[in-house]
PDB file of N, CA and C in Angstrom:
ATOM      1  N   MET A   1       3.893 -13.521 -33.984  1.00  0.00           N
ATOM      2  CA  MET A   1       3.439 -13.454 -32.666  1.00  0.00           C
ATOM      3  C   MET A   1       2.596 -12.382 -31.992  1.00  0.00           C
ATOM      4  N   GLU A   2       1.607 -13.156 -30.794  1.00  0.00           N
ATOM      5  CA  GLU A   2       1.606 -12.147 -30.438  1.00  0.00           C
ATOM      6  C   GLU A   2       2.230 -12.294 -29.033  1.00  0.00           C
ATOM      7  N   LYS A   3       2.567 -10.440 -28.274  1.00  0.00           N
ATOM      8  CA  LYS A   3       2.893 -10.559 -26.461  1.00  0.00           C
ATOM      9  C   LYS A   3       2.313 -11.152 -25.786  1.00  0.00           C
ATOM     10  N   GLN A   4       2.927 -11.853 -24.379  1.00  0.00           N
ATOM     11  CA  GLN A   4       2.211 -12.262 -23.452  1.00  0.00           C
ATOM     12  C   GLN A   4       2.050 -11.209 -22.534  1.00  0.00           C
ATOM     13  N   LYS A   5       0.969 -11.312 -21.964  1.00  0.00           N
ATOM     14  CA  LYS A   5       0.697 -10.589 -20.258  1.00  0.00           C
ATOM     15  C   LYS A   5       2.374 -11.088 -19.660  1.00  0.00           C
ATOM     16  N   LEU A   6       3.208 -10.532 -18.813  1.00  0.00           N
ATOM     17  CA  LEU A   6       3.539 -10.953 -17.617  1.00  0.00           C
ATOM     18  C   LEU A   6       2.621 -11.479 -16.454  1.00  0.00           C
ATOM     19  N   PRO A   7       3.680 -11.903 -16.615  1.00  0.00           N
ATOM     20  CA  PRO A   7       2.948 -13.355 -15.431  1.00  0.00           C
ATOM     21  C   PRO A   7       2.553 -12.795 -14.150  1.00  0.00           C
ATOM     22  N   ASN A   8       3.119 -11.860 -13.095  1.00  0.00           N
ATOM     23  CA  ASN A   8       2.660 -11.441 -12.298  1.00  0.00           C
ATOM     24  C   ASN A   8       1.874 -10.075 -12.045  1.00  0.00           C
ATOM     25  N   GLN A   9       1.335  -9.431 -13.745  1.00  0.00           N
ATOM     26  CA  GLN A   9       0.966  -8.392 -13.961  1.00  0.00           C
ATOM     27  C   GLN A   9      -0.551  -8.464 -13.369  1.00  0.00           C
ATOM     28  N   THR A  10      -1.297  -9.076 -13.165  1.00  0.00           N
ATOM     29  CA  THR A  10      -2.447  -8.910 -12.298  1.00  0.00           C
ATOM     30  C   THR A  10      -2.760  -8.842 -11.074  1.00  0.00           C
ATOM     31  N   ALA A  11      -2.051  -9.298 -10.322  1.00  0.00           N
ATOM     32  CA  ALA A  11      -1.249  -9.433  -8.739  1.00  0.00           C
ATOM     33  C   ALA A  11      -0.732  -8.686  -8.842  1.00  0.00           C
ATOM     34  N   ILE A  12      -0.042  -7.539  -9.088  1.00  0.00           N
ATOM     35  CA  ILE A  12       0.422  -5.849  -9.155  1.00  0.00           C
ATOM     36  C   ILE A  12      -0.521  -5.558  -9.152  1.00  0.00           C
ATOM     37  N   ILE A  13      -1.969  -5.372  -9.697  1.00  0.00           N
ATOM     38  CA  ILE A  13      -2.987  -4.419 -10.134  1.00  0.00           C
ATOM     39  C   ILE A  13      -3.553  -4.712  -8.756  1.00  0.00           C
ATOM     40  N   ILE A  14      -3.692  -5.661  -8.406  1.00  0.00           N
ATOM     41  CA  ILE A  14      -4.933  -6.453  -7.560  1.00  0.00           C
ATOM     42  C   ILE A  14      -3.853  -6.055  -5.915  1.00  0.00           C
ATOM     43  N   LEU A  15      -2.654  -6.117  -5.933  1.00  0.00           N
ATOM     44  CA  LEU A  15      -1.992  -5.149  -4.694  1.00  0.00           C
ATOM     45  C   LEU A  15      -1.387  -4.207  -4.558  1.00  0.00           C
ATOM     46  N   ALA A  16      -1.986  -3.236  -5.646  1.00  0.00           N
ATOM     47  CA  ALA A  16      -1.540  -1.649  -6.045  1.00  0.00           C
ATOM     48  C   ALA A  16      -2.960  -1.239  -5.535  1.00  0.00           C
ATOM     49  N   LEU A  17      -3.697  -1.538  -5.812  1.00  0.00           N
ATOM     50  CA  LEU A  17      -5.425  -1.166  -5.649  1.00  0.00           C
ATOM     51  C   LEU A  17      -5.437  -1.453  -3.370  1.00  0.00           C
ATOM     52  N   THR A  18      -5.342  -2.521  -3.126  1.00  0.00           N
ATOM     53  CA  THR A  18      -5.531  -3.041  -2.202  1.00  0.00           C
ATOM     54  C   THR A  18      -4.631  -2.687  -1.240  1.00  0.00           C
ATOM     55  N   SER A  19      -3.185  -2.443  -1.168  1.00  0.00           N
ATOM     56  CA  SER A  19      -2.604  -1.855  -0.341  1.00  0.00           C
ATOM     57  C   SER A  19      -2.987  -0.345  -0.310  1.00  0.00           C
ATOM     58  N   PHE A  20      -3.288   1.193  -1.497  1.00  0.00           N
ATOM     59  CA  PHE A  20      -3.702   2.239  -1.108  1.00  0.00           C
ATOM     60  C   PHE A  20      -5.197   2.309  -0.006  1.00  0.00           C
ATOM     61  N   VAL A  21      -5.944   1.015  -0.462  1.00  0.00           N
ATOM     62  CA  VAL A  21      -7.211   1.008   0.388  1.00  0.00           C
ATOM     63  C   VAL A  21      -6.819   0.689   2.189  1.00  0.00           C
ATOM     64  N   GLY A  22      -6.290  -0.240   1.818  1.00  0.00           N
ATOM     65  CA  GLY A  22      -5.250  -0.193   3.619  1.00  0.00           C
ATOM     66  C   GLY A  22      -4.121   0.362   3.655  1.00  0.00           C
ATOM     67  N   CYS A  23      -3.666   1.319   3.396  1.00  0.00           N
ATOM     68  CA  CYS A  23      -2.881   2.164   3.614  1.00  0.00           C
ATOM     69  C   CYS A  23      -4.006   3.755   4.373  1.00  0.00           C
ATOM     70  N   CYS A  24      -4.990   3.757   4.304  1.00  0.00           N
ATOM     71  CA  CYS A  24      -6.337   4.758   4.719  1.00  0.00           C
ATOM     72  C   CYS A  24      -6.946   3.872   5.849  1.00  0.00           C
ATOM     73  N   CYS A  25      -6.908   2.582   5.661  1.00  0.00           N
ATOM     74  CA  CYS A  25      -7.774   2.272   6.660  1.00  0.00           C
ATOM     75  C   CYS A  25      -7.689   1.347   7.633  1.00  0.00           C
ATOM     76  N   THR A  26      -6.432   0.723   7.577  1.00  0.00           N
ATOM     77  CA  THR A  26      -5.683  -0.113   8.682  1.00  0.00           C
ATOM     78  C   THR A  26      -3.875   0.418   9.030  1.00  0.00           C
ATOM     79  N   ASN A  27      -3.938   1.775   9.437  1.00  0.00           N
ATOM     80  CA  ASN A  27      -3.146   2.596  10.213  1.00  0.00           C
ATOM     81  C   ASN A  27      -1.652   2.741   9.531  1.00  0.00           C
ATOM     82  N   GLY A  28      -1.737   2.022   7.942  1.00  0.00           N
ATOM     83  CA  GLY A  28      -0.280   2.106   7.383  1.00  0.00           C
ATOM     84  C   GLY A  28      -0.012   0.666   7.090  1.00  0.00           C
ATOM     85  N   VAL A  29      -0.187   0.293   8.417  1.00  0.00           N
ATOM     86  CA  VAL A  29       0.590  -1.682   8.167  1.00  0.00           C
ATOM     87  C   VAL A  29       0.144  -2.082   7.286  1.00  0.00           C
ATOM     88  N   LEU A  30      -1.150  -2.637   6.995  1.00  0.00           N
ATOM     89  CA  LEU A  30      -1.412  -3.749   5.750  1.00  0.00           C
ATOM     90  C   LEU A  30      -1.038  -2.921   4.405  1.00  0.00           C
ATOM     91  N   GLY A  31      -0.976  -1.709   4.064  1.00  0.00           N
ATOM     92  CA  GLY A  31      -0.983  -0.916   3.223  1.00  0.00           C
ATOM     93  C   GLY A  31       0.844  -1.613   3.243  1.00  0.00           C
ATOM     94  N   VAL A  32       1.827  -0.748   4.146  1.00  0.00           N
ATOM     95  CA  VAL A  32       3.149  -0.781   3.992  1.00  0.00           C
ATOM     96  C   VAL A  32       3.256  -2.605   2.901  1.00  0.00           C
ATOM     97  N   ILE A  33       2.919  -3.615   3.918  1.00  0.00           N
ATOM     98  CA  ILE A  33       3.291  -5.544   3.739  1.00  0.00           C
ATOM     99  C   ILE A  33       2.724  -5.654   2.111  1.00  0.00           C
ATOM    100  N   LEU A  34       1.598  -5.481   1.476  1.00  0.00           N
ATOM    101  CA  LEU A  34       0.753  -5.264   0.027  1.00  0.00           C
ATOM    102  C   LEU A  34       1.193  -4.020  -0.702  1.00  0.00           C
ATOM    103  N   ALA A  35       2.223  -3.378  -0.402  1.00  0.00           N
ATOM    104  CA  ALA A  35       2.888  -2.701  -1.167  1.00  0.00           C
ATOM    105  C   ALA A  35       4.198  -2.650  -1.390  1.00  0.00           C
ATOM    106  N   PHE A  36       4.307  -3.466  -0.821  1.00  0.00           N
ATOM    107  CA  PHE A  36       6.135  -3.845  -0.509  1.00  0.00           C
ATOM    108  C   PHE A  36       5.899  -5.519  -1.391  1.00  0.00           C
ATOM    109  N   ILE A  37       5.026  -6.534  -1.237  1.00  0.00           N
ATOM    110  CA  ILE A  37       5.268  -7.886  -2.173  1.00  0.00           C
ATOM    111  C   ILE A  37       4.804  -7.481  -3.268  1.00  0.00           C
ATOM    112  N   GLY A  38       3.941  -5.628  -4.023  1.00  0.00           N
ATOM    113  CA  GLY A  38       3.696  -5.645  -5.267  1.00  0.00           C
ATOM    114  C   GLY A  38       4.800  -4.824  -5.513  1.00  0.00           C
ATOM    115  N   LEU A  39       5.468  -4.343  -4.754  1.00  0.00           N
ATOM    116  CA  LEU A  39       7.179  -3.229  -5.655  1.00  0.00           C
ATOM    117  C   LEU A  39       7.779  -4.972  -5.469  1.00  0.00           C
ATOM    118  N   ASN A  40       7.619  -6.033  -5.166  1.00  0.00           N
ATOM    119  CA  ASN A  40       8.729  -6.824  -5.984  1.00  0.00           C
ATOM    120  C   ASN A  40       8.499  -7.872  -6.822  1.00  0.00           C
ATOM    121  N   LEU A  41       7.177  -7.611  -7.108  1.00  0.00           N
ATOM    122  CA  LEU A  41       6.722  -8.603  -7.655  1.00  0.00           C
ATOM    123  C   LEU A  41       6.981  -7.895  -9.602  1.00  0.00           C
ATOM    124  N   ALA A  42       6.675  -6.696  -9.063  1.00  0.00           N
ATOM    125  CA  ALA A  42       7.141  -5.787 -10.054  1.00  0.00           C
ATOM    126  C   ALA A  42       8.241  -6.034 -10.744  1.00  0.00           C
ATOM    127  N   LYS A  43       9.641  -5.447  -9.328  1.00  0.00           N
ATOM    128  CA  LYS A  43      10.418  -6.126  -9.764  1.00  0.00           C
ATOM    129  C   LYS A  43      10.796  -7.188 -11.278  1.00  0.00           C
ATOM    130  N   LYS A  44      10.559  -8.373  -9.963  1.00  0.00           N
ATOM    131  CA  LYS A  44      10.769 -10.093 -10.637  1.00  0.00           C
ATOM    132  C   LYS A  44      10.235  -9.739 -12.564  1.00  0.00           C
ATOM    133  N   ASP A  45       8.693  -8.479 -12.230  1.00  0.00           N
ATOM    134  CA  ASP A  45       8.484  -9.062 -14.241  1.00  0.00           C
ATOM    135  C   ASP A  45       8.784  -8.307 -14.779  1.00  0.00           C
ATOM    136  N   GLU A  46       9.480  -6.868 -14.280  1.00  0.00           N
ATOM    137  CA  GLU A  46      10.641  -5.863 -15.434  1.00  0.00           C
ATOM    138  C   GLU A  46      11.983  -6.892 -15.894  1.00  0.00           C
ATOM    139  N   LYS A  47      12.404  -7.542 -14.874  1.00  0.00           N
ATOM    140  CA  LYS A  47      13.328  -8.996 -14.992  1.00  0.00           C
ATOM    141  C   LYS A  47      13.218  -9.162 -16.397  1.00  0.00           C
ATOM    142  N   LEU A  48      12.212 -10.051 -15.905  1.00  0.00           N
ATOM    143  CA  LEU A  48      11.573 -11.013 -17.108  1.00  0.00           C
ATOM    144  C   LEU A  48      11.367  -9.946 -18.429  1.00  0.00           C
ATOM    145  N   TYR A  49      11.232  -9.082 -18.285  1.00  0.00           N
ATOM    146  CA  TYR A  49      10.915  -8.217 -19.386  1.00  0.00           C
ATOM    147  C   TYR A  49      12.033  -7.887 -19.787  1.00  0.00           C
ATOM    148  N   ALA A  50      13.495  -7.301 -18.875  1.00  0.00           N
ATOM    149  CA  ALA A  50      14.167  -6.982 -19.654  1.00  0.00           C
ATOM    150  C   ALA A  50      15.203  -8.403 -20.271  1.00  0.00           C
ATOM    151  N   GLU A  51      14.733  -9.890 -19.951  1.00  0.00           N
ATOM    152  CA  GLU A  51      15.411 -10.627 -20.478  1.00  0.00           C
ATOM    153  C   GLU A  51      14.659 -11.105 -21.704  1.00  0.00           C
ATOM    154  N   ASN A  52      13.571 -10.250 -22.100  1.00  0.00           N
ATOM    155  CA  ASN A  52      12.926 -11.012 -23.070  1.00  0.00           C
ATOM    156  C   ASN A  52      12.107 -10.184 -23.938  1.00  0.00           C
ATOM    157  N   PRO A  53      12.323  -8.421 -24.423  1.00  0.00           N
ATOM    158  CA  PRO A  53      11.413  -7.650 -24.576  1.00  0.00           C
ATOM    159  C   PRO A  53      10.739  -7.995 -25.536  1.00  0.00           C
ATOM    160  N   GLU A  54      10.928  -8.639 -26.217  1.00  0.00           N
ATOM    161  CA  GLU A  54      10.027  -8.974 -27.331  1.00  0.00           C
ATOM    162  C   GLU A  54       8.979 -10.753 -26.907  1.00  0.00           C
ATOM    163  N   LEU A  55       9.016 -10.959 -26.088  1.00  0.00           N
ATOM    164  CA  LEU A  55       8.248 -12.154 -25.452  1.00  0.00           C
ATOM    165  C   LEU A  55       6.814 -11.441 -25.346  1.00  0.00           C
ATOM    166  N   TYR A  56       7.389 -10.642 -23.937  1.00  0.00           N
ATOM    167  CA  TYR A  56       6.270  -9.396 -23.167  1.00  0.00           C
ATOM    168  C   TYR A  56       5.525  -8.913 -23.368  1.00  0.00           C
ATOM    169  N   ASP A  57       3.991  -8.191 -22.914  1.00  0.00           N
ATOM    170  CA  ASP A  57       3.909  -6.601 -22.800  1.00  0.00           C
ATOM    171  C   ASP A  57       4.192  -5.924 -21.384  1.00  0.00           C
ATOM    172  N   ILE A  58       4.669  -5.667 -22.086  1.00  0.00           N
ATOM    173  CA  ILE A  58       5.213  -4.734 -20.798  1.00  0.00           C
ATOM    174  C   ILE A  58       3.600  -4.376 -20.389  1.00  0.00           C
ATOM    175  N   GLY A  59       2.924  -3.768 -20.753  1.00  0.00           N
ATOM    176  CA  GLY A  59       1.738  -2.541 -20.209  1.00  0.00           C
ATOM    177  C   GLY A  59       1.521  -2.436 -19.970  1.00  0.00           C
ATOM    178  N   SER A  60       0.582  -1.856 -18.387  1.00  0.00           N
ATOM    179  CA  SER A  60       0.541  -1.195 -17.523  1.00  0.00           C
ATOM    180  C   SER A  60       1.735  -0.651 -16.511  1.00  0.00           C
ATOM    181  N   LEU A  61       2.180  -1.553 -16.790  1.00  0.00           N
ATOM    182  CA  LEU A  61       3.509  -1.976 -14.991  1.00  0.00           C
ATOM    183  C   LEU A  61       3.990  -0.791 -14.087  1.00  0.00           C
ATOM    184  N   ASN A  62       4.711   0.151 -15.114  1.00  0.00           N
ATOM    185  CA  ASN A  62       5.149   1.075 -14.030  1.00  0.00           C
ATOM    186  C   ASN A  62       4.127   1.885 -14.135  1.00  0.00           C
ATOM    187  N   THR A  63       2.695   1.913 -14.335  1.00  0.00           N
ATOM    188  CA  THR A  63       2.047   2.502 -13.713  1.00  0.00           C
ATOM    189  C   THR A  63       1.185   2.207 -11.985  1.00  0.00           C
ATOM    190  N   TRP A  64       0.952   0.826 -11.646  1.00  0.00           N
ATOM    191  CA  TRP A  64       1.043   0.220 -11.066  1.00  0.00           C
ATOM    192  C   TRP A  64       2.352  -0.190 -10.380  1.00  0.00           C
ATOM    193  N   LYS A  65       3.566   0.123 -10.514  1.00  0.00           N
ATOM    194  CA  LYS A  65       4.455   0.387  -9.622  1.00  0.00           C
ATOM    195  C   LYS A  65       4.020   0.938  -9.117  1.00  0.00           C
ATOM    196  N   THR A  66       4.006   1.841 -10.036  1.00  0.00           N
ATOM    197  CA  THR A  66       3.988   3.917  -9.389  1.00  0.00           C
ATOM    198  C   THR A  66       2.784   3.498  -8.223  1.00  0.00           C
ATOM    199  N   VAL A  67       2.237   3.308  -8.710  1.00  0.00           N
ATOM    200  CA  VAL A  67       0.530   3.112  -6.979  1.00  0.00           C
ATOM    201  C   VAL A  67       0.855   2.211  -6.291  1.00  0.00           C
ATOM    202  N   ASN A  68       1.815   1.342  -6.330  1.00  0.00           N
ATOM    203  CA  ASN A  68       2.417   0.696  -5.131  1.00  0.00           C
ATOM    204  C   ASN A  68       4.054   1.484  -4.414  1.00  0.00           C
ATOM    205  N   LEU A  69       5.024   2.080  -5.203  1.00  0.00           N
ATOM    206  CA  LEU A  69       5.210   3.180  -4.679  1.00  0.00           C
ATOM    207  C   LEU A  69       4.572   4.146  -3.848  1.00  0.00           C
ATOM    208  N   ILE A  70       3.715   4.977  -4.403  1.00  0.00           N
ATOM    209  CA  ILE A  70       2.756   6.426  -3.309  1.00  0.00           C
ATOM    210  C   ILE A  70       2.359   5.332  -2.144  1.00  0.00           C
ATOM    211  N   SER A  71       1.949   4.364  -2.207  1.00  0.00           N
ATOM    212  CA  SER A  71       1.098   3.517  -1.485  1.00  0.00           C
ATOM    213  C   SER A  71       1.905   2.826  -0.088  1.00  0.00           C
ATOM    214  N   LEU A  72       2.957   2.280  -0.587  1.00  0.00           N
ATOM    215  CA  LEU A  72       4.423   2.214   0.552  1.00  0.00           C
ATOM    216  C   LEU A  72       4.870   3.475   1.322  1.00  0.00           C
ATOM    217  N   ILE A  73       4.812   5.081   0.009  1.00  0.00           N
ATOM    218  CA  ILE A  73       5.119   6.397   1.207  1.00  0.00           C
ATOM    219  C   ILE A  73       3.966   6.494   2.246  1.00  0.00           C
ATOM    220  N   ILE A  74       2.860   6.754   1.400  1.00  0.00           N
ATOM    221  CA  ILE A  74       1.817   7.354   2.201  1.00  0.00           C
ATOM    222  C   ILE A  74       1.658   5.853   3.385  1.00  0.00           C
ATOM    223  N   SER A  75       1.994   4.465   3.181  1.00  0.00           N
ATOM    224  CA  SER A  75       1.596   4.029   4.490  1.00  0.00           C
ATOM    225  C   SER A  75       2.491   4.067   5.440  1.00  0.00           C
ATOM    226  N   SER A  76       3.381   4.067   5.579  1.00  0.00           N
ATOM    227  CA  SER A  76       4.802   3.879   6.283  1.00  0.00           C
ATOM    228  C   SER A  76       4.875   5.783   6.440  1.00  0.00           C
ATOM    229  N   ILE A  77       4.112   6.485   5.837  1.00  0.00           N
ATOM    230  CA  ILE A  77       4.247   8.093   7.214  1.00  0.00           C
ATOM    231  C   ILE A  77       3.641   8.107   8.263  1.00  0.00           C
ATOM    232  N   PHE A  78       1.930   7.390   7.387  1.00  0.00           N
ATOM    233  CA  PHE A  78       0.906   6.778   8.730  1.00  0.00           C
ATOM    234  C   PHE A  78       1.977   5.500  10.117  1.00  0.00           C
ATOM    235  N   VAL A  79       2.407   4.850   9.492  1.00  0.00           N
ATOM    236  CA  VAL A  79       3.221   3.971  10.566  1.00  0.00           C
ATOM    237  C   VAL A  79       3.834   4.563  11.376  1.00  0.00           C
ATOM    238  N   ILE A  80       5.189   5.862  10.734  1.00  0.00           N
ATOM    239  CA  ILE A  80       6.225   6.074  11.834  1.00  0.00           C
ATOM    240  C   ILE A  80       4.760   7.244  12.655  1.00  0.00           C
ATOM    241  N   TRP A  81       3.651   7.483  11.416  1.00  0.00           N
ATOM    242  CA  TRP A  81       3.060   8.433  12.703  1.00  0.00           C
ATOM    243  C   TRP A  81       2.994   7.977  14.379  1.00  0.00           C
ATOM    244  N   LEU A  82       1.654   6.742  13.557  1.00  0.00           N
ATOM    245  CA  LEU A  82       1.756   5.478  14.501  1.00  0.00           C
ATOM    246  C   LEU A  82       2.805   5.260  15.573  1.00  0.00           C
ATOM    247  N   ILE A  83       3.910   4.981  15.164  1.00  0.00           N
ATOM    248  CA  ILE A  83       4.555   4.867  16.065  1.00  0.00           C
ATOM    249  C   ILE A  83       5.046   6.001  16.772  1.00  0.00           C
ATOM    250  N   TYR A  84       4.935   7.092  16.587  1.00  0.00           N
ATOM    251  CA  TYR A  84       5.042   8.054  17.076  1.00  0.00           C
ATOM    252  C   TYR A  84       4.094   8.411  18.243  1.00  0.00           C
ATOM    253  N   LEU A  85       3.028   8.365  18.014  1.00  0.00           N
ATOM    254  CA  LEU A  85       2.005   8.600  18.997  1.00  0.00           C
ATOM    255  C   LEU A  85       2.083   7.540  20.312  1.00  0.00           C
ATOM    256  N   LEU A  86       2.340   5.797  19.161  1.00  0.00           N
ATOM    257  CA  LEU A  86       2.334   5.522  21.040  1.00  0.00           C
ATOM    258  C   LEU A  86       3.564   5.520  21.736  1.00  0.00           C
ATOM    259  N   VAL A  87       4.344   6.015  21.546  1.00  0.00           N
ATOM    260  CA  VAL A  87       6.112   6.066  21.888  1.00  0.00           C
ATOM    261  C   VAL A  87       5.865   7.375  23.700  1.00  0.00           C
ATOM    262  N   THR A  88       5.168   8.460  22.289  1.00  0.00           N
ATOM    263  CA  THR A  88       5.549  10.008  22.924  1.00  0.00           C
ATOM    264  C   THR A  88       3.448  10.177  24.500  1.00  0.00           C
ATOM    265  N   GLY A  89       2.753   8.682  24.116  1.00  0.00           N
ATOM    266  CA  GLY A  89       1.418   8.514  24.671  1.00  0.00           C
ATOM    267  C   GLY A  89       0.175   9.186  23.537  1.00  0.00           C
ATOM    268  N   GLY A  90       0.688  10.344  22.734  1.00  0.00           N
ATOM    269  CA  GLY A  90      -0.024  10.853  22.046  1.00  0.00           C
ATOM    270  C   GLY A  90      -1.377  10.052  21.366  1.00  0.00           C
ATOM    271  N   PHE A  91      -1.484   9.429  21.455  1.00  0.00           N
ATOM    272  CA  PHE A  91      -2.936   7.612  20.735  1.00  0.00           C
ATOM    273  C   PHE A  91      -3.110   7.594  21.882  1.00  0.00           C
ATOM    274  N   GLN A  92      -2.891   7.538  23.193  1.00  0.00           N
ATOM    275  CA  GLN A  92      -3.640   7.187  24.596  1.00  0.00           C
ATOM    276  C   GLN A  92      -4.523   8.775  24.876  1.00  0.00           C
ATOM    277  N   GLU A  93      -4.037   9.214  24.549  1.00  0.00           N
ATOM    278  CA  GLU A  93      -4.569  11.212  25.113  1.00  0.00           C
ATOM    279  C   GLU A  93      -5.896  11.065  23.612  1.00  0.00           C
ATOM    280  N   SER A  94      -5.265  10.818  22.538  1.00  0.00           N
ATOM    281  CA  SER A  94      -6.368  11.061  21.143  1.00  0.00           C
ATOM    282  C   SER A  94      -7.731   9.824  21.707  1.00  0.00           C
ATOM    283  N   MET A  95      -7.211   8.951  22.036  1.00  0.00           N
ATOM    284  CA  MET A  95      -7.958   7.128  22.215  1.00  0.00           C
ATOM    285  C   MET A  95      -9.297   8.456  23.330  1.00  0.00           C
ATOM    286  N   ASP A  96      -8.784   9.059  24.673  1.00  0.00           N
ATOM    287  CA  ASP A  96      -9.602   9.083  25.697  1.00  0.00           C
ATOM    288  C   ASP A  96     -10.605  10.707  24.883  1.00  0.00           C
ATOM    289  N   GLN A  97      -9.545  11.520  23.921  1.00  0.00           N
ATOM    290  CA  GLN A  97     -10.548  12.792  24.221  1.00  0.00           C
ATOM    291  C   GLN A  97     -11.697  11.184  22.632  1.00  0.00           C
ATOM    292  N   TYR A  98     -11.052  10.905  21.459  1.00  0.00           N
ATOM    293  CA  TYR A  98     -12.487  10.029  21.328  1.00  0.00           C
ATOM    294  C   TYR A  98     -13.714   9.678  22.428  1.00  0.00           C
ATOM    295  N   ARG A  99     -13.537   8.732  23.751  1.00  0.00           N
ATOM    296  CA  ARG A  99     -14.609   8.189  23.900  1.00  0.00           C
ATOM    297  C   ARG A  99     -15.049   9.059  25.151  1.00  0.00           C
ATOM    298  N   MET A 100     -14.786  10.792  25.115  1.00  0.00           N
ATOM    299  CA  MET A 100     -15.486  11.691  26.043  1.00  0.00           C
ATOM    300  C   MET A 100     -15.916  12.008  25.295  1.00  0.00           C
ATOM    301  N   LEU A 101     -15.768  12.044  23.573  1.00  0.00           N
ATOM    302  CA  LEU A 101     -16.801  12.861  22.609  1.00  0.00           C
ATOM    303  C   LEU A 101     -18.377  11.902  22.273  1.00  0.00           C
ATOM    304  N   MET A 102     -17.694  10.507  22.050  1.00  0.00           N
ATOM    305  CA  MET A 102     -18.661   9.955  22.305  1.00  0.00           C
ATOM    306  C   MET A 102     -19.262   9.618  23.063  1.00  0.00           C
ATOM    307  N   GLU A 103     -19.558  10.218  24.862  1.00  0.00           N
ATOM    308  CA  GLU A 103     -19.936   9.887  25.827  1.00  0.00           C
ATOM    309  C   GLU A 103     -21.200  11.043  25.290  1.00  0.00           C
ATOM    310  N   GLN A 104     -20.130  11.920  24.764  1.00  0.00           N
ATOM    311  CA  GLN A 104     -21.129  13.470  24.985  1.00  0.00           C
ATOM    312  C   GLN A 104     -22.473  13.389  23.549  1.00  0.00           C
ATOM    313  N   LEU A 105     -21.859  13.151  22.547  1.00  0.00           N
ATOM    314  CA  LEU A 105     -23.031  12.254  21.377  1.00  0.00           C
ATOM    315  C   LEU A 105     -24.019  11.427  21.910  1.00  0.00           C
ATOM    316  N   GLN A 106     -23.516  10.359  23.099  1.00  0.00           N
ATOM    317  CA  GLN A 106     -24.849   9.269  23.314  1.00  0.00           C
ATOM    318  C   GLN A 106     -25.692  10.354  24.712  1.00  0.00           C
ATOM    319  N   ASN A 107     -25.065  10.947  25.107  1.00  0.00           N
ATOM    320  CA  ASN A 107     -26.141  11.694  26.063  1.00  0.00           C
ATOM    321  C   ASN A 107     -27.076  12.866  25.470  1.00  0.00           C
ATOM    322  N   GLN A 108     -26.461  13.111  24.157  1.00  0.00           N
ATOM    323  CA  GLN A 108     -27.158  14.321  23.347  1.00  0.00           C
ATOM    324  C   GLN A 108     -28.906  13.411  23.033  1.00  0.00           C
TER     325      GLN A 108
END
């Protein structure tokens, strides 16, 4: 009998890829959410595999779980940095500098 794919494996792959992109493009907020969901689904699939290893093929589950974990770590660092900037007022300073730079570029 051929082994089946785990039920959430495709979703875990998609969440890993989008969380990795989300950690860079959305200041980490979307990356944290998607990576957390991906890790929860991976945990469910690992539990299902542990119950019936002869029925399911684990495939690349560990690889995509690792990608989700890395995305979660990177996204968490971005979120912590964003919170730090918001609390200390550094975010407003960087936005003012960005605005001044854009004005200088438009005047050229």
